[in-house]
Protein backbone atom coordinates (compact mmCIF):
# COMPACT_ATOMS: atom_id res chain seq x y z
CA MET A 1 0.24 25.06 8.78
CA MET A 2 -1.44 21.97 10.27
CA LYS A 3 0.84 20.27 12.79
CA LEU A 4 1.52 16.54 13.11
CA ALA A 5 2.35 14.90 16.44
CA VAL A 6 4.59 11.85 16.47
CA ILE A 7 4.61 10.07 19.83
CA GLY A 8 7.12 7.29 19.63
CA SER A 9 10.59 5.92 19.37
CA ASN A 10 13.99 7.02 18.25
CA MET A 11 16.99 4.77 17.64
CA ILE A 12 20.55 4.85 16.47
CA ASP A 13 20.78 2.42 13.56
CA VAL A 14 23.96 0.34 13.38
CA ILE A 15 23.79 -1.09 9.86
CA SER A 16 25.88 -3.83 8.25
CA TYR A 17 25.54 -4.58 4.54
CA THR A 18 26.38 -8.15 3.57
CA ASP A 19 25.97 -10.43 0.59
CA ILE A 20 24.36 -13.17 2.71
CA ILE A 21 22.94 -13.10 6.24
CA PRO A 22 25.15 -15.38 8.40
CA VAL A 23 23.75 -18.65 9.69
CA ALA A 24 24.20 -19.79 13.30
CA GLY A 25 27.88 -20.00 14.24
CA GLU A 26 29.07 -18.30 11.03
CA THR A 27 31.23 -15.17 10.82
CA ARG A 28 31.20 -13.08 7.65
CA GLU A 29 32.92 -9.87 6.61
CA VAL A 30 30.51 -7.03 5.81
CA LYS A 31 30.58 -5.16 2.51
CA ASP A 32 29.74 -1.80 4.09
CA PHE A 33 28.80 -0.30 7.46
CA ALA A 34 26.98 2.80 8.69
CA ILE A 35 25.68 4.45 11.86
CA ASN A 36 22.56 6.57 11.30
CA CYS A 37 19.66 8.08 13.20
CA GLY A 38 16.54 5.92 13.01
CA GLY A 39 13.69 4.43 15.03
CA LYS A 40 10.15 4.13 13.73
CA GLY A 41 8.83 7.27 15.39
CA ALA A 42 11.81 9.39 14.42
CA ASN A 43 11.82 8.03 10.86
CA GLN A 44 8.15 8.91 10.40
CA ALA A 45 8.70 12.38 11.85
CA ILE A 46 11.69 13.07 9.59
CA ALA A 47 9.89 11.75 6.48
CA ALA A 48 7.02 14.17 7.09
CA ALA A 49 9.37 17.03 7.97
CA LYS A 50 11.37 16.53 4.77
CA LEU A 51 8.14 17.17 2.88
CA GLY A 52 7.63 20.44 4.75
CA ALA A 53 5.20 19.22 7.42
CA ASP A 54 5.20 20.94 10.81
CA VAL A 55 6.08 18.08 13.18
CA LEU A 56 5.96 17.90 16.99
CA MET A 57 8.00 14.99 18.40
CA LEU A 58 7.44 13.30 21.75
CA THR A 59 10.24 10.86 22.54
CA THR A 60 12.85 10.02 25.17
CA ILE A 61 16.53 10.04 24.28
CA GLY A 62 19.53 8.54 26.04
CA ASP A 63 21.88 10.37 28.36
CA ASP A 64 24.79 9.57 26.06
CA VAL A 65 26.48 10.58 22.82
CA PHE A 66 23.83 8.77 20.79
CA GLY A 67 21.07 10.75 22.49
CA LYS A 68 22.85 13.98 21.54
CA MET A 69 23.09 12.74 17.93
CA VAL A 70 19.33 12.13 17.86
CA LEU A 71 18.52 15.59 19.22
CA GLU A 72 20.86 17.30 16.76
CA ASN A 73 19.29 15.32 13.92
CA PHE A 74 15.76 16.41 14.86
CA ASN A 75 16.90 20.02 14.99
CA ALA A 76 18.60 19.71 11.60
CA TYR A 77 15.24 18.76 10.05
CA GLN A 78 13.37 21.47 11.99
CA VAL A 79 11.30 19.00 14.00
CA ASP A 80 9.84 20.61 17.13
CA THR A 81 11.86 19.09 20.01
CA LYS A 82 10.13 20.88 22.89
CA TYR A 83 9.00 17.51 24.25
CA VAL A 84 12.11 15.45 23.47
CA ARG A 85 13.22 14.46 26.98
CA THR A 86 16.56 13.02 28.11
CA ALA A 87 16.24 9.94 30.36
CA LYS A 88 18.97 10.49 32.94
CA GLY A 89 21.36 7.57 33.26
CA SER A 90 19.88 5.64 30.32
CA SER A 91 21.49 4.69 27.04
CA ASN A 92 19.76 5.60 23.80
CA GLY A 93 17.74 3.05 21.86
CA ILE A 94 19.80 1.02 19.39
CA ALA A 95 18.79 -0.95 16.28
CA THR A 96 21.21 -3.51 14.87
CA ILE A 97 20.37 -3.99 11.19
CA LEU A 98 21.64 -6.53 8.66
CA VAL A 99 20.90 -5.86 4.98
CA ASP A 100 21.60 -8.55 2.37
CA GLU A 101 22.28 -8.22 -1.35
CA SER A 102 18.58 -8.70 -2.18
CA SER A 103 17.91 -5.50 -0.14
CA GLN A 104 16.00 -7.41 2.56
CA ASN A 105 16.77 -6.64 6.19
CA ARG A 106 16.84 -8.26 9.62
CA ILE A 107 16.56 -5.96 12.66
CA LEU A 108 17.20 -6.35 16.40
CA ILE A 109 16.28 -3.47 18.70
CA ASN A 110 17.19 -2.45 22.23
CA LYS A 111 14.57 0.10 23.30
CA GLY A 112 16.89 1.81 25.79
CA ALA A 113 15.59 5.26 26.75
CA ASN A 114 12.40 4.68 24.74
CA THR A 115 11.02 2.70 27.68
CA TYR A 116 10.92 5.91 29.74
CA LEU A 117 8.35 7.66 27.54
CA THR A 118 5.15 7.55 29.60
CA ALA A 119 1.61 8.85 29.84
CA VAL A 120 3.01 11.67 31.99
CA ASP A 121 4.95 12.90 28.93
CA VAL A 122 1.73 12.87 26.89
CA GLU A 123 -0.10 14.93 29.52
CA ALA A 124 2.85 17.33 29.79
CA ALA A 125 2.44 18.11 26.08
CA ALA A 126 -1.35 18.43 26.27
CA THR A 127 -1.62 22.08 25.27
CA ASP A 128 0.45 21.62 22.11
CA LEU A 129 -0.99 18.20 21.24
CA GLN A 130 -4.50 19.62 21.22
CA GLN A 131 -3.48 21.87 18.33
CA CYS A 132 -2.35 18.93 16.15
CA ALA A 133 -4.26 17.62 13.14
CA LEU A 134 -3.04 14.01 13.45
CA CYS A 135 -1.32 11.88 16.09
CA ILE A 136 1.04 9.14 14.86
CA LEU A 137 1.95 6.16 17.06
CA GLN A 138 3.99 2.95 16.80
CA LEU A 139 4.85 0.08 19.18
CA GLU A 140 8.57 0.68 19.89
CA ILE A 141 7.56 2.46 23.10
CA GLU A 142 5.72 1.01 26.10
CA LEU A 143 2.25 -0.25 25.21
CA ASN A 144 0.63 1.59 28.12
CA THR A 145 2.01 4.86 26.73
CA VAL A 146 0.52 4.07 23.32
CA TYR A 147 -2.87 3.37 24.88
CA ALA A 148 -2.69 6.56 26.97
CA ALA A 149 -1.91 8.57 23.83
CA ILE A 150 -4.88 7.03 21.99
CA GLU A 151 -7.20 7.86 24.89
CA PHE A 152 -5.86 11.42 25.05
CA ALA A 153 -6.33 11.91 21.30
CA ASN A 154 -9.87 10.52 21.43
CA LYS A 155 -10.75 12.78 24.35
CA HIS A 156 -9.59 15.82 22.39
CA GLN A 157 -10.93 14.63 19.01
CA ILE A 158 -7.50 14.31 17.39
CA PRO A 159 -7.34 11.71 14.56
CA VAL A 160 -4.91 8.85 15.28
CA LEU A 161 -2.72 6.75 12.98
CA LEU A 162 -1.38 3.59 14.62
CA ASN A 163 1.47 1.71 12.99
CA PRO A 164 1.42 -1.65 14.88
CA ALA A 165 5.15 -2.24 14.57
CA PRO A 166 6.85 -4.21 15.90
CA ALA A 167 3.67 -6.28 15.88
CA ILE A 168 2.38 -8.05 18.99
CA ALA A 169 -0.26 -10.78 18.92
CA ASP A 170 -2.03 -9.49 22.04
CA LEU A 171 -2.53 -5.92 20.85
CA ASP A 172 -5.77 -4.58 22.33
CA LEU A 173 -8.01 -4.37 19.26
CA ASP A 174 -10.64 -2.44 21.19
CA MET A 175 -8.00 0.25 21.64
CA ALA A 176 -6.95 -0.02 17.99
CA CYS A 177 -10.58 0.54 16.98
CA LYS A 178 -10.30 4.01 18.51
CA CYS A 179 -7.72 4.90 15.84
CA ASP A 180 -8.67 6.41 12.49
CA PHE A 181 -5.89 4.63 10.56
CA PHE A 182 -4.28 1.25 11.25
CA VAL A 183 -1.20 0.73 9.06
CA PRO A 184 0.56 -2.67 9.27
CA ASN A 185 2.72 -4.44 6.72
CA GLU A 186 1.92 -8.03 5.68
CA THR A 187 4.01 -9.61 8.45
CA GLU A 188 2.41 -7.46 11.11
CA LEU A 189 -1.03 -8.22 9.70
CA ASN A 190 -0.28 -11.94 9.99
CA ILE A 191 0.88 -11.66 13.61
CA ILE A 192 -2.14 -9.58 14.65
CA THR A 193 -4.81 -11.63 12.87
CA GLY A 194 -3.18 -15.08 12.86
CA LEU A 195 -4.27 -15.45 9.23
CA PRO A 196 -2.12 -16.29 6.16
CA VAL A 197 -0.94 -13.34 4.05
CA GLU A 198 0.95 -14.98 1.20
CA SER A 199 -1.30 -13.72 -1.60
CA GLU A 200 -3.09 -10.43 -2.16
CA ALA A 201 -6.40 -12.27 -1.71
CA GLU A 202 -5.25 -13.54 1.70
CA ILE A 203 -4.05 -10.07 2.70
CA LYS A 204 -7.42 -8.60 1.73
CA LYS A 205 -9.27 -11.29 3.71
CA ALA A 206 -7.12 -10.68 6.80
CA ALA A 207 -7.55 -6.91 6.55
CA LEU A 208 -11.32 -7.29 6.22
CA THR A 209 -11.46 -9.27 9.46
CA LEU A 210 -10.05 -6.20 11.21
CA VAL A 211 -12.63 -3.95 9.56
CA ASP A 212 -15.33 -6.40 10.67
CA ARG A 213 -13.83 -6.16 14.16
CA GLY A 214 -14.42 -2.40 14.10
CA LEU A 215 -11.25 -0.79 12.74
CA LYS A 216 -12.07 2.26 10.62
CA ASN A 217 -9.35 2.26 7.93
CA VAL A 218 -6.83 -0.55 7.48
CA ILE A 219 -3.95 0.30 5.14
CA VAL A 220 -1.58 -2.60 4.47
CA THR A 221 1.84 -1.81 3.01
CA MET A 222 2.94 -4.71 0.83
CA GLY A 223 6.40 -3.76 -0.43
CA SER A 224 6.80 -4.52 -4.12
CA ARG A 225 3.07 -5.34 -4.34
CA GLY A 226 2.02 -1.80 -3.36
CA SER A 227 -0.61 -0.92 -0.77
CA LEU A 228 -4.13 -2.03 0.13
CA TRP A 229 -6.76 0.26 1.72
CA VAL A 230 -9.81 -1.39 3.25
CA ASN A 231 -12.75 0.05 5.17
CA LYS A 232 -16.51 -0.58 5.19
CA GLU A 233 -16.99 1.27 1.90
CA HIS A 234 -13.68 0.81 0.06
CA CYS A 235 -11.27 -1.90 -0.96
CA GLU A 236 -8.60 -0.19 -3.03
CA HIS A 237 -5.31 -1.67 -4.24
CA VAL A 238 -2.62 0.89 -5.07
CA PRO A 239 0.08 -0.70 -7.26
CA ALA A 240 3.76 -0.33 -6.46
CA TYR A 241 6.21 1.64 -8.57
CA ALA A 242 8.94 -0.28 -10.37
CA VAL A 243 12.30 0.71 -8.88
CA GLN A 244 15.69 -0.90 -8.34
CA ALA A 245 15.66 -1.63 -4.61
CA VAL A 246 18.94 -1.21 -2.73
CA ASP A 247 17.82 -1.16 0.91
CA THR A 248 14.23 -1.57 2.13
CA THR A 249 14.99 -0.47 5.71
CA GLY A 250 12.60 2.26 6.82
CA ALA A 251 10.34 2.08 3.77
CA GLY A 252 7.23 1.54 5.89
CA ASP A 253 8.13 4.60 7.96
CA ALA A 254 8.64 6.60 4.75
CA PHE A 255 5.13 5.60 3.68
CA ILE A 256 3.58 6.70 6.97
CA GLY A 257 5.43 10.02 7.12
CA CYS A 258 4.39 10.92 3.58
CA PHE A 259 0.83 9.67 4.08
CA ALA A 260 0.47 11.90 7.13
CA ALA A 261 1.97 14.94 5.40
CA VAL A 262 -0.40 14.59 2.43
CA TYR A 263 -3.49 13.64 4.43
CA VAL A 264 -3.40 16.64 6.79
CA LYS A 265 -3.22 18.92 3.74
CA THR A 266 -5.88 17.25 1.59
CA LYS A 267 -8.00 14.97 3.84
CA ASP A 268 -7.95 12.67 0.77
CA ILE A 269 -7.06 9.15 1.92
CA LEU A 270 -6.56 7.64 -1.53
CA GLN A 271 -4.37 10.50 -2.72
CA ALA A 272 -2.30 10.20 0.45
CA ILE A 273 -1.86 6.45 -0.09
CA GLN A 274 -0.90 6.89 -3.75
CA GLN A 275 1.72 9.51 -2.99
CA ALA A 276 3.02 7.62 0.05
CA THR A 277 3.44 4.49 -2.09
CA LEU A 278 5.62 6.47 -4.49
CA PHE A 279 7.58 8.11 -1.66
CA ALA A 280 8.31 4.73 -0.08
CA ALA A 281 9.38 3.28 -3.44
CA LEU A 282 11.86 6.11 -3.94
CA SER A 283 13.25 5.55 -0.44
CA VAL A 284 14.39 1.99 -1.20
CA THR A 285 16.60 3.15 -4.08
CA LYS A 286 19.16 4.47 -1.57
CA THR A 287 20.82 2.94 1.50
CA GLY A 288 19.86 3.82 5.05
CA THR A 289 16.62 5.16 6.47
CA GLN A 290 16.13 8.90 6.93
CA GLY A 291 18.91 9.80 4.49
CA SER A 292 17.18 7.74 1.81
CA TYR A 293 13.94 9.72 2.02
CA PRO A 294 13.41 12.18 -0.85
CA THR A 295 13.47 15.90 -0.14
CA LYS A 296 10.41 17.99 -0.96
CA GLN A 297 12.08 19.14 -4.17
CA GLU A 298 13.02 15.60 -5.23
CA PHE A 299 9.56 14.32 -4.46
CA THR A 300 7.86 17.14 -6.33
CA LEU A 301 9.86 16.22 -9.43
CA ALA A 302 8.86 12.57 -9.00
CA LEU A 303 5.19 13.53 -8.64
CA ASP A 304 5.43 15.47 -11.89
CA ARG A 305 7.09 12.50 -13.57
CA PHE A 306 4.20 10.24 -12.57
CA HIS A 307 1.59 12.88 -13.43
CA PHE A 308 0.50 13.69 -9.89
CA GLY A 309 -0.55 17.20 -8.98
CA SER A 310 1.93 18.28 -6.31
CA ILE A 311 0.53 19.68 -3.07
CA PHE A 312 3.92 20.64 -1.66
């Protein structure tokens, strides 16, 4: 089985569900509340693992009860935790999430122990990383660690997927050009390019500027509008699937985890995008992040329903 490496964050999600997001100075009673395991890196790892992918996780957890929860959660999904390190004396990363009745979310994060994941951790995992078919990165860890991981992967000819989230305007695009896949959502695309992204035409134009800059494959996740794949040869729009959205938290991570799981099996980018778009759509029909992601059995049934040939 081809192994995926996820080098990135983990969080404990503290989620409040409300009818309306409070304005400044306002106090509202929530409709529901939950504490779950999350974080972009962990979400992407769990999404892939739920589809049967062999996943190696590099992350740093807190020296607290939340860190223990994260480790137990990885083990429950059979993610390889050999390089999950506890940062002594540090609290775990926390995400405070508000979800309104339209299923939209607002998120505040405290990186906590995630700040202690460094290039030294990447080098410590070198032997196992070199056996991986794809390296997945996000920006909830220190930027220097992300850059070190990209350089390591390039040195050892490991394909890289970079999810530039949370987006930063001063992301080193020369470094991003060393990645095989660059997967932002519309908001992240706007922050990185400085261009408008209100319409599909504007999104396409902004994505093409990144391709012109030297990025190999730009895949923009657009929520209810589907996905857009742009490179020098292709410009492909993959429509969304009509679902009743309940909670969109973690949908982008669901997309990336599924994309990676399909791509390492097939090496077919379009097929991976199509199936990831469906997987992400299914994830928003339930509350939470990792718990909302379909199992391999559930997803196989959905693929049959939409006349895909299942690879799982």
